[in-house]
Amino acid sequence: MSLSQTTPTRHPARVPPPGGGGRPRHGWRWLPIAPATVVLLLFLAGPILYCVAIAFTDMRLTGQESASFVGFDNFTRAFGDEHFRNSVVLTLVFTLLSSIVGQNTLGLALASLMRRASRVVRAVTGAIVISAWVLPEIVAGFLLYTFFHKEGQLNAVLEWLQLPSQNWMFTLPILAVSFANVWRGTAFSMLVYSAALSEIPQEVTESAEVDGAGGLKRLWHITLPMIRRSIGTNLMLNTLQTLSVFGLIWAMTKGGPAHRSETLPVFMYDQAFTKSLIGYGTAVALLLLVVGALFSVVYLRLMREEV
């Protein structure tokens, strides 16, 4: 019989790491982030769960002793409400015009033009655009209200040019609030695209110019593919911000006239706090959250693909 068959195999003893104490237990690893986790649960997850619970009740602000569970009645009521469907359409139009087309396109154009401008022009343009961005939403709404008013600056300019004037807040209210959101939010897109364009190597642009590529070809085949992830990030952030715009529209039109500028946040506020239907208004808020989540999923899938 050999020695290996009679002597049991001995494993080398584990040597504790220097400093003593050994490997910390799994539960203790969560201790440093426990306060932050508790705060997040209390102030983020807690209100969201409370809103979800309210959305399934008939809670009102006044005239009710206790709320009752109504299941999906608030959601079925929303899909059968013509004003809710009108708000969904206006929200999509407002987002498309002001965020996806307006802020995104104008921000990219300003960032591209400022790269070739002098330092003075860049400073003046940047200060003007960013000053609109830092204004509080309610202040920007009041300024644009005076601009689009029947006796405002826009009609004064049109009359000076011998062009017909009109009451923009009455005839084209969704276009007026969309322009206001473009005016206020373009600075963010401009800053994002300025940072993205500065990362494009100058050698790549110069090589394309040597090969005879014009401005549009360089934009389509070089610039846009190389800043594709920045475009996706900017579109996602702009869209989510635009979906939640309330103060700007409320200050300018309050959703009128005749619900023609009533986007989902305005409709939700009207139902919850003007008509005291907290349960129904919270259900509309959850549906708005779903719309934002759908936009985010689309943008994240577009950003996931490699250039």
C-alpha atoms as a PDB file:
ATOM      1  CA  MET A   1       0.000   0.000   0.000  1.00  0.00           C
ATOM      2  CA  SER A   2       1.440   3.321  -0.969  1.00  0.00           C
ATOM      3  CA  LEU A   3       1.841   6.268   1.403  1.00  0.00           C
ATOM      4  CA  SER A   4      -0.623   8.422  -0.552  1.00  0.00           C
ATOM      5  CA  GLN A   5      -3.391   5.922   0.101  1.00  0.00           C
ATOM      6  CA  THR A   6      -2.820   5.720   3.872  1.00  0.00           C
ATOM      7  CA  THR A   7      -2.136   9.392   4.720  1.00  0.00           C
ATOM      8  CA  PRO A   8      -5.136  11.838   4.486  1.00  0.00           C
ATOM      9  CA  THR A   9      -4.620  14.864   2.238  1.00  0.00           C
ATOM     10  CA  ARG A  10      -3.976  18.102   4.128  1.00  0.00           C
ATOM     11  CA  HIS A  11      -5.128  21.434   2.705  1.00  0.00           C
ATOM     12  CA  PRO A  12      -3.035  24.468   3.457  1.00  0.00           C
ATOM     13  CA  ALA A  13      -4.507  26.579   6.225  1.00  0.00           C
ATOM     14  CA  ARG A  14      -5.907  29.947   5.152  1.00  0.00           C
ATOM     15  CA  VAL A  15      -3.740  32.808   6.272  1.00  0.00           C
ATOM     16  CA  PRO A  16      -5.713  35.831   7.509  1.00  0.00           C
ATOM     17  CA  PRO A  17      -4.942  39.081   5.716  1.00  0.00           C
ATOM     18  CA  PRO A  18      -2.534  41.459   7.382  1.00  0.00           C
ATOM     19  CA  GLY A  19      -4.176  43.744   9.868  1.00  0.00           C
ATOM     20  CA  GLY A  20      -6.325  41.001  11.376  1.00  0.00           C
ATOM     21  CA  GLY A  21     -10.113  40.824  11.363  1.00  0.00           C
ATOM     22  CA  GLY A  22     -10.345  38.467   8.350  1.00  0.00           C
ATOM     23  CA  ARG A  23     -12.933  38.902   5.569  1.00  0.00           C
ATOM     24  CA  PRO A  24     -15.924  41.062   6.577  1.00  0.00           C
ATOM     25  CA  ARG A  25     -19.259  39.399   6.669  1.00  0.00           C
ATOM     26  CA  HIS A  26     -21.642  39.992   3.758  1.00  0.00           C
ATOM     27  CA  GLY A  27     -24.165  41.923   5.850  1.00  0.00           C
ATOM     28  CA  TRP A  28     -21.682  44.503   7.078  1.00  0.00           C
ATOM     29  CA  ARG A  29     -20.898  45.644   3.541  1.00  0.00           C
ATOM     30  CA  TRP A  30     -24.276  47.424   3.360  1.00  0.00           C
ATOM     31  CA  LEU A  31     -23.656  49.379   6.534  1.00  0.00           C
ATOM     32  CA  PRO A  32     -21.898  52.422   4.925  1.00  0.00           C
ATOM     33  CA  ILE A  33     -24.689  52.931   2.362  1.00  0.00           C
ATOM     34  CA  ALA A  34     -27.530  52.116   4.702  1.00  0.00           C
ATOM     35  CA  PRO A  35     -28.346  55.787   5.550  1.00  0.00           C
ATOM     36  CA  ALA A  36     -28.504  56.715   1.839  1.00  0.00           C
ATOM     37  CA  THR A  37     -30.681  53.681   1.122  1.00  0.00           C
ATOM     38  CA  VAL A  38     -33.085  54.601   3.906  1.00  0.00           C
ATOM     39  CA  VAL A  39     -33.320  58.211   2.661  1.00  0.00           C
ATOM     40  CA  LEU A  40     -34.027  57.035  -0.903  1.00  0.00           C
ATOM     41  CA  LEU A  41     -36.728  54.662   0.282  1.00  0.00           C
ATOM     42  CA  LEU A  42     -38.360  57.372   2.385  1.00  0.00           C
ATOM     43  CA  PHE A  43     -38.257  60.298  -0.037  1.00  0.00           C
ATOM     44  CA  LEU A  44     -38.270  58.600  -3.468  1.00  0.00           C
ATOM     45  CA  ALA A  45     -39.784  55.149  -3.391  1.00  0.00           C
ATOM     46  CA  GLY A  46     -42.204  56.034  -0.580  1.00  0.00           C
ATOM     47  CA  PRO A  47     -44.059  58.858  -2.406  1.00  0.00           C
ATOM     48  CA  ILE A  48     -44.146  56.832  -5.632  1.00  0.00           C
ATOM     49  CA  LEU A  49     -45.735  53.866  -3.882  1.00  0.00           C
ATOM     50  CA  TYR A  50     -48.177  56.200  -2.119  1.00  0.00           C
ATOM     51  CA  CYS A  51     -49.180  57.744  -5.472  1.00  0.00           C
ATOM     52  CA  VAL A  52     -49.702  54.285  -6.953  1.00  0.00           C
ATOM     53  CA  ALA A  53     -51.990  53.449  -4.053  1.00  0.00           C
ATOM     54  CA  ILE A  54     -53.977  56.716  -4.434  1.00  0.00           C
ATOM     55  CA  ALA A  55     -54.437  56.134  -8.167  1.00  0.00           C
ATOM     56  CA  PHE A  56     -56.634  53.129  -7.377  1.00  0.00           C
ATOM     57  CA  THR A  57     -58.954  55.083  -5.076  1.00  0.00           C
ATOM     58  CA  ASP A  58     -61.628  57.769  -5.440  1.00  0.00           C
ATOM     59  CA  MET A  59     -59.818  60.187  -3.110  1.00  0.00           C
ATOM     60  CA  ARG A  60     -60.959  63.811  -3.287  1.00  0.00           C
ATOM     61  CA  LEU A  61     -59.544  66.938  -1.746  1.00  0.00           C
ATOM     62  CA  THR A  62     -62.830  68.073  -0.221  1.00  0.00           C
ATOM     63  CA  GLY A  63     -66.294  66.729   0.551  1.00  0.00           C
ATOM     64  CA  GLN A  64     -65.256  63.170   1.408  1.00  0.00           C
ATOM     65  CA  GLU A  65     -64.791  61.415   4.749  1.00  0.00           C
ATOM     66  CA  SER A  66     -62.714  58.476   3.478  1.00  0.00           C
ATOM     67  CA  ALA A  67     -61.435  57.167   0.146  1.00  0.00           C
ATOM     68  CA  SER A  68     -62.541  53.854  -1.335  1.00  0.00           C
ATOM     69  CA  PHE A  69     -60.692  51.372  -3.523  1.00  0.00           C
ATOM     70  CA  VAL A  70     -62.038  51.566  -7.097  1.00  0.00           C
ATOM     71  CA  GLY A  71     -59.615  49.282  -8.948  1.00  0.00           C
ATOM     72  CA  PHE A  72     -58.828  50.389 -12.505  1.00  0.00           C
ATOM     73  CA  ASP A  73     -61.826  52.746 -12.747  1.00  0.00           C
ATOM     74  CA  ASN A  74     -59.623  55.877 -12.862  1.00  0.00           C
ATOM     75  CA  PHE A  75     -57.592  54.442 -15.753  1.00  0.00           C
ATOM     76  CA  THR A  76     -60.619  53.294 -17.753  1.00  0.00           C
ATOM     77  CA  ARG A  77     -62.199  56.700 -17.136  1.00  0.00           C
ATOM     78  CA  ALA A  78     -59.040  58.391 -18.493  1.00  0.00           C
ATOM     79  CA  PHE A  79     -59.049  56.403 -21.744  1.00  0.00           C
ATOM     80  CA  GLY A  80     -62.745  57.187 -22.208  1.00  0.00           C
ATOM     81  CA  ASP A  81     -62.263  60.929 -21.502  1.00  0.00           C
ATOM     82  CA  GLU A  82     -61.970  62.972 -24.696  1.00  0.00           C
ATOM     83  CA  HIS A  83     -60.099  65.728 -22.844  1.00  0.00           C
ATOM     84  CA  PHE A  84     -57.499  63.185 -21.691  1.00  0.00           C
ATOM     85  CA  ARG A  85     -57.023  61.887 -25.243  1.00  0.00           C
ATOM     86  CA  ASN A  86     -56.756  65.480 -26.454  1.00  0.00           C
ATOM     87  CA  SER A  87     -54.070  66.105 -23.795  1.00  0.00           C
ATOM     88  CA  VAL A  88     -52.095  63.059 -24.918  1.00  0.00           C
ATOM     89  CA  VAL A  89     -52.091  64.290 -28.527  1.00  0.00           C
ATOM     90  CA  LEU A  90     -51.126  67.841 -27.504  1.00  0.00           C
ATOM     91  CA  THR A  91     -48.354  66.489 -25.248  1.00  0.00           C
ATOM     92  CA  LEU A  92     -46.870  64.533 -28.163  1.00  0.00           C
ATOM     93  CA  VAL A  93     -47.163  67.575 -30.471  1.00  0.00           C
ATOM     94  CA  PHE A  94     -45.606  69.838 -27.823  1.00  0.00           C
ATOM     95  CA  THR A  95     -42.749  67.364 -27.254  1.00  0.00           C
ATOM     96  CA  LEU A  96     -42.128  66.841 -30.969  1.00  0.00           C
ATOM     97  CA  LEU A  97     -42.131  70.544 -31.869  1.00  0.00           C
ATOM     98  CA  SER A  98     -40.317  72.014 -28.896  1.00  0.00           C
ATOM     99  CA  SER A  99     -37.928  69.257 -27.815  1.00  0.00           C
ATOM    100  CA  ILE A 100     -37.150  66.791 -30.603  1.00  0.00           C
ATOM    101  CA  VAL A 101     -37.230  69.328 -33.443  1.00  0.00           C
ATOM    102  CA  GLY A 102     -36.812  72.741 -31.828  1.00  0.00           C
ATOM    103  CA  GLN A 103     -34.331  72.476 -28.974  1.00  0.00           C
ATOM    104  CA  ASN A 104     -32.375  69.591 -30.475  1.00  0.00           C
ATOM    105  CA  THR A 105     -31.961  71.048 -33.980  1.00  0.00           C
ATOM    106  CA  LEU A 106     -31.426  74.652 -32.882  1.00  0.00           C
ATOM    107  CA  GLY A 107     -28.964  73.594 -30.177  1.00  0.00           C
ATOM    108  CA  LEU A 108     -26.887  71.619 -32.697  1.00  0.00           C
ATOM    109  CA  ALA A 109     -26.974  74.498 -35.185  1.00  0.00           C
ATOM    110  CA  LEU A 110     -25.871  77.048 -32.579  1.00  0.00           C
ATOM    111  CA  ALA A 111     -23.081  74.784 -31.316  1.00  0.00           C
ATOM    112  CA  SER A 112     -21.807  74.221 -34.879  1.00  0.00           C
ATOM    113  CA  LEU A 113     -21.904  77.935 -35.755  1.00  0.00           C
ATOM    114  CA  MET A 114     -20.236  78.981 -32.516  1.00  0.00           C
ATOM    115  CA  ARG A 115     -17.236  76.739 -33.260  1.00  0.00           C
ATOM    116  CA  ARG A 116     -16.401  78.913 -36.264  1.00  0.00           C
ATOM    117  CA  ALA A 117     -17.331  82.247 -34.655  1.00  0.00           C
ATOM    118  CA  SER A 118     -14.983  84.664 -32.953  1.00  0.00           C
ATOM    119  CA  ARG A 119     -14.532  84.674 -29.201  1.00  0.00           C
ATOM    120  CA  VAL A 120     -16.670  87.814 -28.785  1.00  0.00           C
ATOM    121  CA  VAL A 121     -19.554  86.376 -30.797  1.00  0.00           C
ATOM    122  CA  ARG A 122     -19.364  83.093 -28.855  1.00  0.00           C
ATOM    123  CA  ALA A 123     -19.430  84.936 -25.535  1.00  0.00           C
ATOM    124  CA  VAL A 124     -22.364  87.191 -26.458  1.00  0.00           C
ATOM    125  CA  THR A 125     -24.414  84.381 -28.045  1.00  0.00           C
ATOM    126  CA  GLY A 126     -23.729  82.011 -25.171  1.00  0.00           C
ATOM    127  CA  ALA A 127     -24.716  84.617 -22.583  1.00  0.00           C
ATOM    128  CA  ILE A 128     -27.995  85.411 -24.355  1.00  0.00           C
ATOM    129  CA  VAL A 129     -28.990  81.772 -24.825  1.00  0.00           C
ATOM    130  CA  ILE A 130     -27.997  80.664 -21.337  1.00  0.00           C
ATOM    131  CA  SER A 131     -29.738  83.641 -19.706  1.00  0.00           C
ATOM    132  CA  ALA A 132     -33.046  82.275 -21.023  1.00  0.00           C
ATOM    133  CA  TRP A 133     -32.193  78.855 -19.588  1.00  0.00           C
ATOM    134  CA  VAL A 134     -31.457  80.069 -16.051  1.00  0.00           C
ATOM    135  CA  LEU A 135     -34.701  82.037 -15.782  1.00  0.00           C
ATOM    136  CA  PRO A 136     -37.360  80.428 -13.567  1.00  0.00           C
ATOM    137  CA  GLU A 137     -40.058  78.736 -15.598  1.00  0.00           C
ATOM    138  CA  ILE A 138     -42.805  81.040 -14.359  1.00  0.00           C
ATOM    139  CA  VAL A 139     -40.759  84.152 -15.246  1.00  0.00           C
ATOM    140  CA  ALA A 140     -40.054  82.815 -18.735  1.00  0.00           C
ATOM    141  CA  GLY A 141     -43.774  82.103 -19.144  1.00  0.00           C
ATOM    142  CA  PHE A 142     -44.691  85.676 -18.241  1.00  0.00           C
ATOM    143  CA  LEU A 143     -42.075  87.097 -20.638  1.00  0.00           C
ATOM    144  CA  LEU A 144     -43.294  84.951 -23.530  1.00  0.00           C
ATOM    145  CA  TYR A 145     -46.899  85.816 -22.645  1.00  0.00           C
ATOM    146  CA  THR A 146     -46.128  89.498 -23.179  1.00  0.00           C
ATOM    147  CA  PHE A 147     -44.282  88.605 -26.397  1.00  0.00           C
ATOM    148  CA  PHE A 148     -47.182  86.651 -27.941  1.00  0.00           C
ATOM    149  CA  HIS A 149     -49.972  88.836 -26.527  1.00  0.00           C
ATOM    150  CA  LYS A 150     -52.288  90.581 -28.976  1.00  0.00           C
ATOM    151  CA  GLU A 151     -50.663  93.888 -28.072  1.00  0.00           C
ATOM    152  CA  GLY A 152     -47.219  92.357 -27.512  1.00  0.00           C
ATOM    153  CA  GLN A 153     -43.814  92.735 -29.145  1.00  0.00           C
ATOM    154  CA  LEU A 154     -44.365  90.141 -31.879  1.00  0.00           C
ATOM    155  CA  ASN A 155     -47.412  91.892 -33.313  1.00  0.00           C
ATOM    156  CA  ALA A 156     -45.623  95.246 -33.002  1.00  0.00           C
ATOM    157  CA  VAL A 157     -42.787  93.907 -35.175  1.00  0.00           C
ATOM    158  CA  LEU A 158     -45.252  92.437 -37.687  1.00  0.00           C
ATOM    159  CA  GLU A 159     -47.103  95.733 -37.943  1.00  0.00           C
ATOM    160  CA  TRP A 160     -43.801  97.554 -38.468  1.00  0.00           C
ATOM    161  CA  LEU A 161     -43.064  95.140 -41.329  1.00  0.00           C
ATOM    162  CA  GLN A 162     -46.553  95.806 -42.756  1.00  0.00           C
ATOM    163  CA  LEU A 163     -47.556  92.183 -42.095  1.00  0.00           C
ATOM    164  CA  PRO A 164     -50.912  91.068 -40.640  1.00  0.00           C
ATOM    165  CA  SER A 165     -50.965  90.550 -36.886  1.00  0.00           C
ATOM    166  CA  GLN A 166     -53.122  88.163 -34.910  1.00  0.00           C
ATOM    167  CA  ASN A 167     -53.856  86.929 -31.416  1.00  0.00           C
ATOM    168  CA  TRP A 168     -51.305  84.114 -31.204  1.00  0.00           C
ATOM    169  CA  MET A 169     -52.469  82.921 -27.790  1.00  0.00           C
ATOM    170  CA  PHE A 170     -55.949  82.344 -29.209  1.00  0.00           C
ATOM    171  CA  THR A 171     -55.335  81.143 -32.763  1.00  0.00           C
ATOM    172  CA  LEU A 172     -52.178  78.996 -32.284  1.00  0.00           C
ATOM    173  CA  PRO A 173     -51.751  78.412 -28.534  1.00  0.00           C
ATOM    174  CA  ILE A 174     -49.850  75.094 -28.805  1.00  0.00           C
ATOM    175  CA  LEU A 175     -47.420  76.681 -31.270  1.00  0.00           C
ATOM    176  CA  ALA A 176     -46.892  79.657 -28.923  1.00  0.00           C
ATOM    177  CA  VAL A 177     -46.080  77.491 -25.885  1.00  0.00           C
ATOM    178  CA  SER A 178     -43.856  75.242 -28.034  1.00  0.00           C
ATOM    179  CA  PHE A 179     -41.851  78.257 -29.194  1.00  0.00           C
ATOM    180  CA  ALA A 180     -41.590  79.413 -25.573  1.00  0.00           C
ATOM    181  CA  ASN A 181     -40.145  76.044 -24.546  1.00  0.00           C
ATOM    182  CA  VAL A 182     -37.658  76.187 -27.441  1.00  0.00           C
ATOM    183  CA  TRP A 183     -36.599  79.694 -26.377  1.00  0.00           C
ATOM    184  CA  ARG A 184     -36.055  78.586 -22.810  1.00  0.00           C
ATOM    185  CA  GLY A 185     -34.476  75.149 -23.274  1.00  0.00           C
ATOM    186  CA  THR A 186     -32.179  75.449 -26.300  1.00  0.00           C
ATOM    187  CA  ALA A 187     -29.202  76.398 -24.109  1.00  0.00           C
ATOM    188  CA  PHE A 188     -28.981  72.904 -22.636  1.00  0.00           C
ATOM    189  CA  SER A 189     -28.770  71.280 -26.074  1.00  0.00           C
ATOM    190  CA  MET A 190     -26.223  73.868 -27.191  1.00  0.00           C
ATOM    191  CA  LEU A 191     -23.966  73.073 -24.220  1.00  0.00           C
ATOM    192  CA  VAL A 192     -24.256  69.314 -24.772  1.00  0.00           C
ATOM    193  CA  TYR A 193     -23.435  69.579 -28.476  1.00  0.00           C
ATOM    194  CA  SER A 194     -20.616  72.079 -27.899  1.00  0.00           C
ATOM    195  CA  ALA A 195     -18.912  69.533 -25.643  1.00  0.00           C
ATOM    196  CA  ALA A 196     -19.566  66.701 -28.132  1.00  0.00           C
ATOM    197  CA  LEU A 197     -18.274  68.621 -31.161  1.00  0.00           C
ATOM    198  CA  SER A 198     -15.087  69.579 -29.336  1.00  0.00           C
ATOM    199  CA  GLU A 199     -14.264  65.854 -28.998  1.00  0.00           C
ATOM    200  CA  ILE A 200     -14.187  65.271 -32.786  1.00  0.00           C
ATOM    201  CA  PRO A 201     -10.522  65.087 -33.879  1.00  0.00           C
ATOM    202  CA  GLN A 202      -9.580  67.969 -36.151  1.00  0.00           C
ATOM    203  CA  GLU A 203      -7.642  65.543 -38.386  1.00  0.00           C
ATOM    204  CA  VAL A 204     -10.831  63.723 -39.334  1.00  0.00           C
ATOM    205  CA  THR A 205     -12.550  66.934 -40.452  1.00  0.00           C
ATOM    206  CA  GLU A 206      -9.484  68.122 -42.343  1.00  0.00           C
ATOM    207  CA  SER A 207      -9.128  64.769 -44.135  1.00  0.00           C
ATOM    208  CA  ALA A 208     -12.763  64.964 -45.246  1.00  0.00           C
ATOM    209  CA  GLU A 209     -12.230  68.498 -46.527  1.00  0.00           C
ATOM    210  CA  VAL A 210      -9.164  67.360 -48.477  1.00  0.00           C
ATOM    211  CA  ASP A 211     -11.257  64.554 -50.024  1.00  0.00           C
ATOM    212  CA  GLY A 212     -13.739  67.159 -51.241  1.00  0.00           C
ATOM    213  CA  ALA A 213     -16.564  66.509 -48.767  1.00  0.00           C
ATOM    214  CA  GLY A 214     -18.847  69.516 -48.424  1.00  0.00           C
ATOM    215  CA  GLY A 215     -20.480  70.795 -45.275  1.00  0.00           C
ATOM    216  CA  LEU A 216     -23.613  68.645 -45.528  1.00  0.00           C
ATOM    217  CA  LYS A 217     -21.615  65.478 -46.319  1.00  0.00           C
ATOM    218  CA  ARG A 218     -19.303  66.102 -43.339  1.00  0.00           C
ATOM    219  CA  LEU A 219     -22.326  66.683 -41.130  1.00  0.00           C
ATOM    220  CA  TRP A 220     -24.118  63.515 -42.271  1.00  0.00           C
ATOM    221  CA  HIS A 221     -21.186  61.080 -42.592  1.00  0.00           C
ATOM    222  CA  ILE A 222     -18.793  62.340 -39.893  1.00  0.00           C
ATOM    223  CA  THR A 223     -20.298  64.710 -37.348  1.00  0.00           C
ATOM    224  CA  LEU A 224     -23.637  63.036 -36.651  1.00  0.00           C
ATOM    225  CA  PRO A 225     -22.255  59.462 -36.379  1.00  0.00           C
ATOM    226  CA  MET A 226     -19.449  60.587 -34.064  1.00  0.00           C
ATOM    227  CA  ILE A 227     -21.770  62.464 -31.682  1.00  0.00           C
ATOM    228  CA  ARG A 228     -24.536  59.888 -31.913  1.00  0.00           C
ATOM    229  CA  ARG A 229     -24.461  59.018 -28.216  1.00  0.00           C
ATOM    230  CA  SER A 230     -24.598  62.698 -27.251  1.00  0.00           C
ATOM    231  CA  ILE A 231     -27.633  63.120 -29.513  1.00  0.00           C
ATOM    232  CA  GLY A 232     -29.368  60.210 -27.793  1.00  0.00           C
ATOM    233  CA  THR A 233     -28.552  61.523 -24.318  1.00  0.00           C
ATOM    234  CA  ASN A 234     -29.679  65.040 -25.199  1.00  0.00           C
ATOM    235  CA  LEU A 235     -32.921  63.802 -26.764  1.00  0.00           C
ATOM    236  CA  MET A 236     -33.745  61.654 -23.751  1.00  0.00           C
ATOM    237  CA  LEU A 237     -33.088  64.407 -21.189  1.00  0.00           C
ATOM    238  CA  ASN A 238     -34.889  67.048 -23.265  1.00  0.00           C
ATOM    239  CA  THR A 239     -37.893  64.826 -23.846  1.00  0.00           C
ATOM    240  CA  LEU A 240     -38.277  63.933 -20.174  1.00  0.00           C
ATOM    241  CA  GLN A 241     -37.930  67.585 -19.185  1.00  0.00           C
ATOM    242  CA  THR A 242     -40.461  68.688 -21.811  1.00  0.00           C
ATOM    243  CA  LEU A 243     -42.996  66.072 -20.750  1.00  0.00           C
ATOM    244  CA  SER A 244     -43.034  67.635 -17.274  1.00  0.00           C
ATOM    245  CA  VAL A 245     -43.327  71.304 -18.347  1.00  0.00           C
ATOM    246  CA  PHE A 246     -46.181  72.865 -16.380  1.00  0.00           C
ATOM    247  CA  GLY A 247     -45.401  76.381 -15.140  1.00  0.00           C
ATOM    248  CA  LEU A 248     -44.560  77.720 -18.583  1.00  0.00           C
ATOM    249  CA  ILE A 249     -47.877  76.615 -20.121  1.00  0.00           C
ATOM    250  CA  TRP A 250     -49.908  77.527 -17.051  1.00  0.00           C
ATOM    251  CA  ALA A 251     -48.493  81.059 -17.008  1.00  0.00           C
ATOM    252  CA  MET A 252     -49.155  81.588 -20.713  1.00  0.00           C
ATOM    253  CA  THR A 253     -52.495  79.903 -21.443  1.00  0.00           C
ATOM    254  CA  LYS A 254     -53.601  77.749 -18.461  1.00  0.00           C
ATOM    255  CA  GLY A 255     -54.246  75.055 -21.058  1.00  0.00           C
ATOM    256  CA  GLY A 256     -56.719  77.148 -23.049  1.00  0.00           C
ATOM    257  CA  PRO A 257     -58.452  78.401 -24.932  1.00  0.00           C
ATOM    258  CA  ALA A 258     -60.921  75.484 -25.058  1.00  0.00           C
ATOM    259  CA  HIS A 259     -58.231  72.924 -23.981  1.00  0.00           C
ATOM    260  CA  ARG A 260     -56.154  73.643 -27.119  1.00  0.00           C
ATOM    261  CA  SER A 261     -52.878  73.878 -25.185  1.00  0.00           C
ATOM    262  CA  GLU A 262     -53.729  71.529 -22.328  1.00  0.00           C
ATOM    263  CA  THR A 263     -50.882  69.033 -22.114  1.00  0.00           C
ATOM    264  CA  LEU A 264     -50.897  66.110 -19.675  1.00  0.00           C
ATOM    265  CA  PRO A 265     -49.269  67.961 -16.706  1.00  0.00           C
ATOM    266  CA  VAL A 266     -51.813  70.794 -17.036  1.00  0.00           C
ATOM    267  CA  PHE A 267     -54.695  68.325 -17.395  1.00  0.00           C
ATOM    268  CA  MET A 268     -53.440  66.392 -14.360  1.00  0.00           C
ATOM    269  CA  TYR A 269     -53.217  69.567 -12.245  1.00  0.00           C
ATOM    270  CA  ASP A 270     -56.687  70.686 -13.336  1.00  0.00           C
ATOM    271  CA  GLN A 271     -58.251  67.368 -12.385  1.00  0.00           C
ATOM    272  CA  ALA A 272     -56.380  66.910  -9.103  1.00  0.00           C
ATOM    273  CA  PHE A 273     -56.333  70.421  -7.630  1.00  0.00           C
ATOM    274  CA  THR A 274     -58.955  72.479  -9.478  1.00  0.00           C
ATOM    275  CA  LYS A 275     -61.644  69.797  -9.582  1.00  0.00           C
ATOM    276  CA  SER A 276     -60.344  68.108  -6.375  1.00  0.00           C
ATOM    277  CA  LEU A 277     -60.151  64.635  -8.003  1.00  0.00           C
ATOM    278  CA  ILE A 278     -56.896  63.502  -6.414  1.00  0.00           C
ATOM    279  CA  GLY A 279     -57.356  59.834  -7.294  1.00  0.00           C
ATOM    280  CA  TYR A 280     -58.108  60.513 -10.962  1.00  0.00           C
ATOM    281  CA  GLY A 281     -55.337  63.107 -11.256  1.00  0.00           C
ATOM    282  CA  THR A 282     -52.807  60.686  -9.748  1.00  0.00           C
ATOM    283  CA  ALA A 283     -53.845  58.015 -12.251  1.00  0.00           C
ATOM    284  CA  VAL A 284     -53.162  60.516 -15.066  1.00  0.00           C
ATOM    285  CA  ALA A 285     -49.747  61.218 -13.482  1.00  0.00           C
ATOM    286  CA  LEU A 286     -48.911  57.505 -13.595  1.00  0.00           C
ATOM    287  CA  LEU A 287     -49.905  57.356 -17.265  1.00  0.00           C
ATOM    288  CA  LEU A 288     -47.612  60.330 -17.920  1.00  0.00           C
ATOM    289  CA  LEU A 289     -44.852  58.392 -16.160  1.00  0.00           C
ATOM    290  CA  VAL A 290     -45.478  55.492 -18.544  1.00  0.00           C
ATOM    291  CA  VAL A 291     -45.171  57.829 -21.556  1.00  0.00           C
ATOM    292  CA  GLY A 292     -41.816  59.078 -20.271  1.00  0.00           C
ATOM    293  CA  ALA A 293     -40.649  55.512 -19.658  1.00  0.00           C
ATOM    294  CA  LEU A 294     -41.547  54.530 -23.252  1.00  0.00           C
ATOM    295  CA  PHE A 295     -39.514  57.448 -24.638  1.00  0.00           C
ATOM    296  CA  SER A 296     -36.584  56.479 -22.393  1.00  0.00           C
ATOM    297  CA  VAL A 297     -36.655  52.856 -23.559  1.00  0.00           C
ATOM    298  CA  VAL A 298     -36.608  53.931 -27.215  1.00  0.00           C
ATOM    299  CA  TYR A 299     -33.667  56.302 -26.703  1.00  0.00           C
ATOM    300  CA  LEU A 300     -31.709  53.757 -24.619  1.00  0.00           C
ATOM    301  CA  ARG A 301     -32.128  51.114 -27.327  1.00  0.00           C
ATOM    302  CA  LEU A 302     -30.918  53.587 -29.951  1.00  0.00           C
ATOM    303  CA  MET A 303     -27.899  54.497 -27.802  1.00  0.00           C
ATOM    304  CA  ARG A 304     -27.051  50.843 -27.172  1.00  0.00           C
ATOM    305  CA  GLU A 305     -26.255  50.185 -30.824  1.00  0.00           C
ATOM    306  CA  GLU A 306     -22.628  50.713 -31.715  1.00  0.00           C
ATOM    307  CA  VAL A 307     -21.613  53.346 -34.252  1.00  0.00           C
END
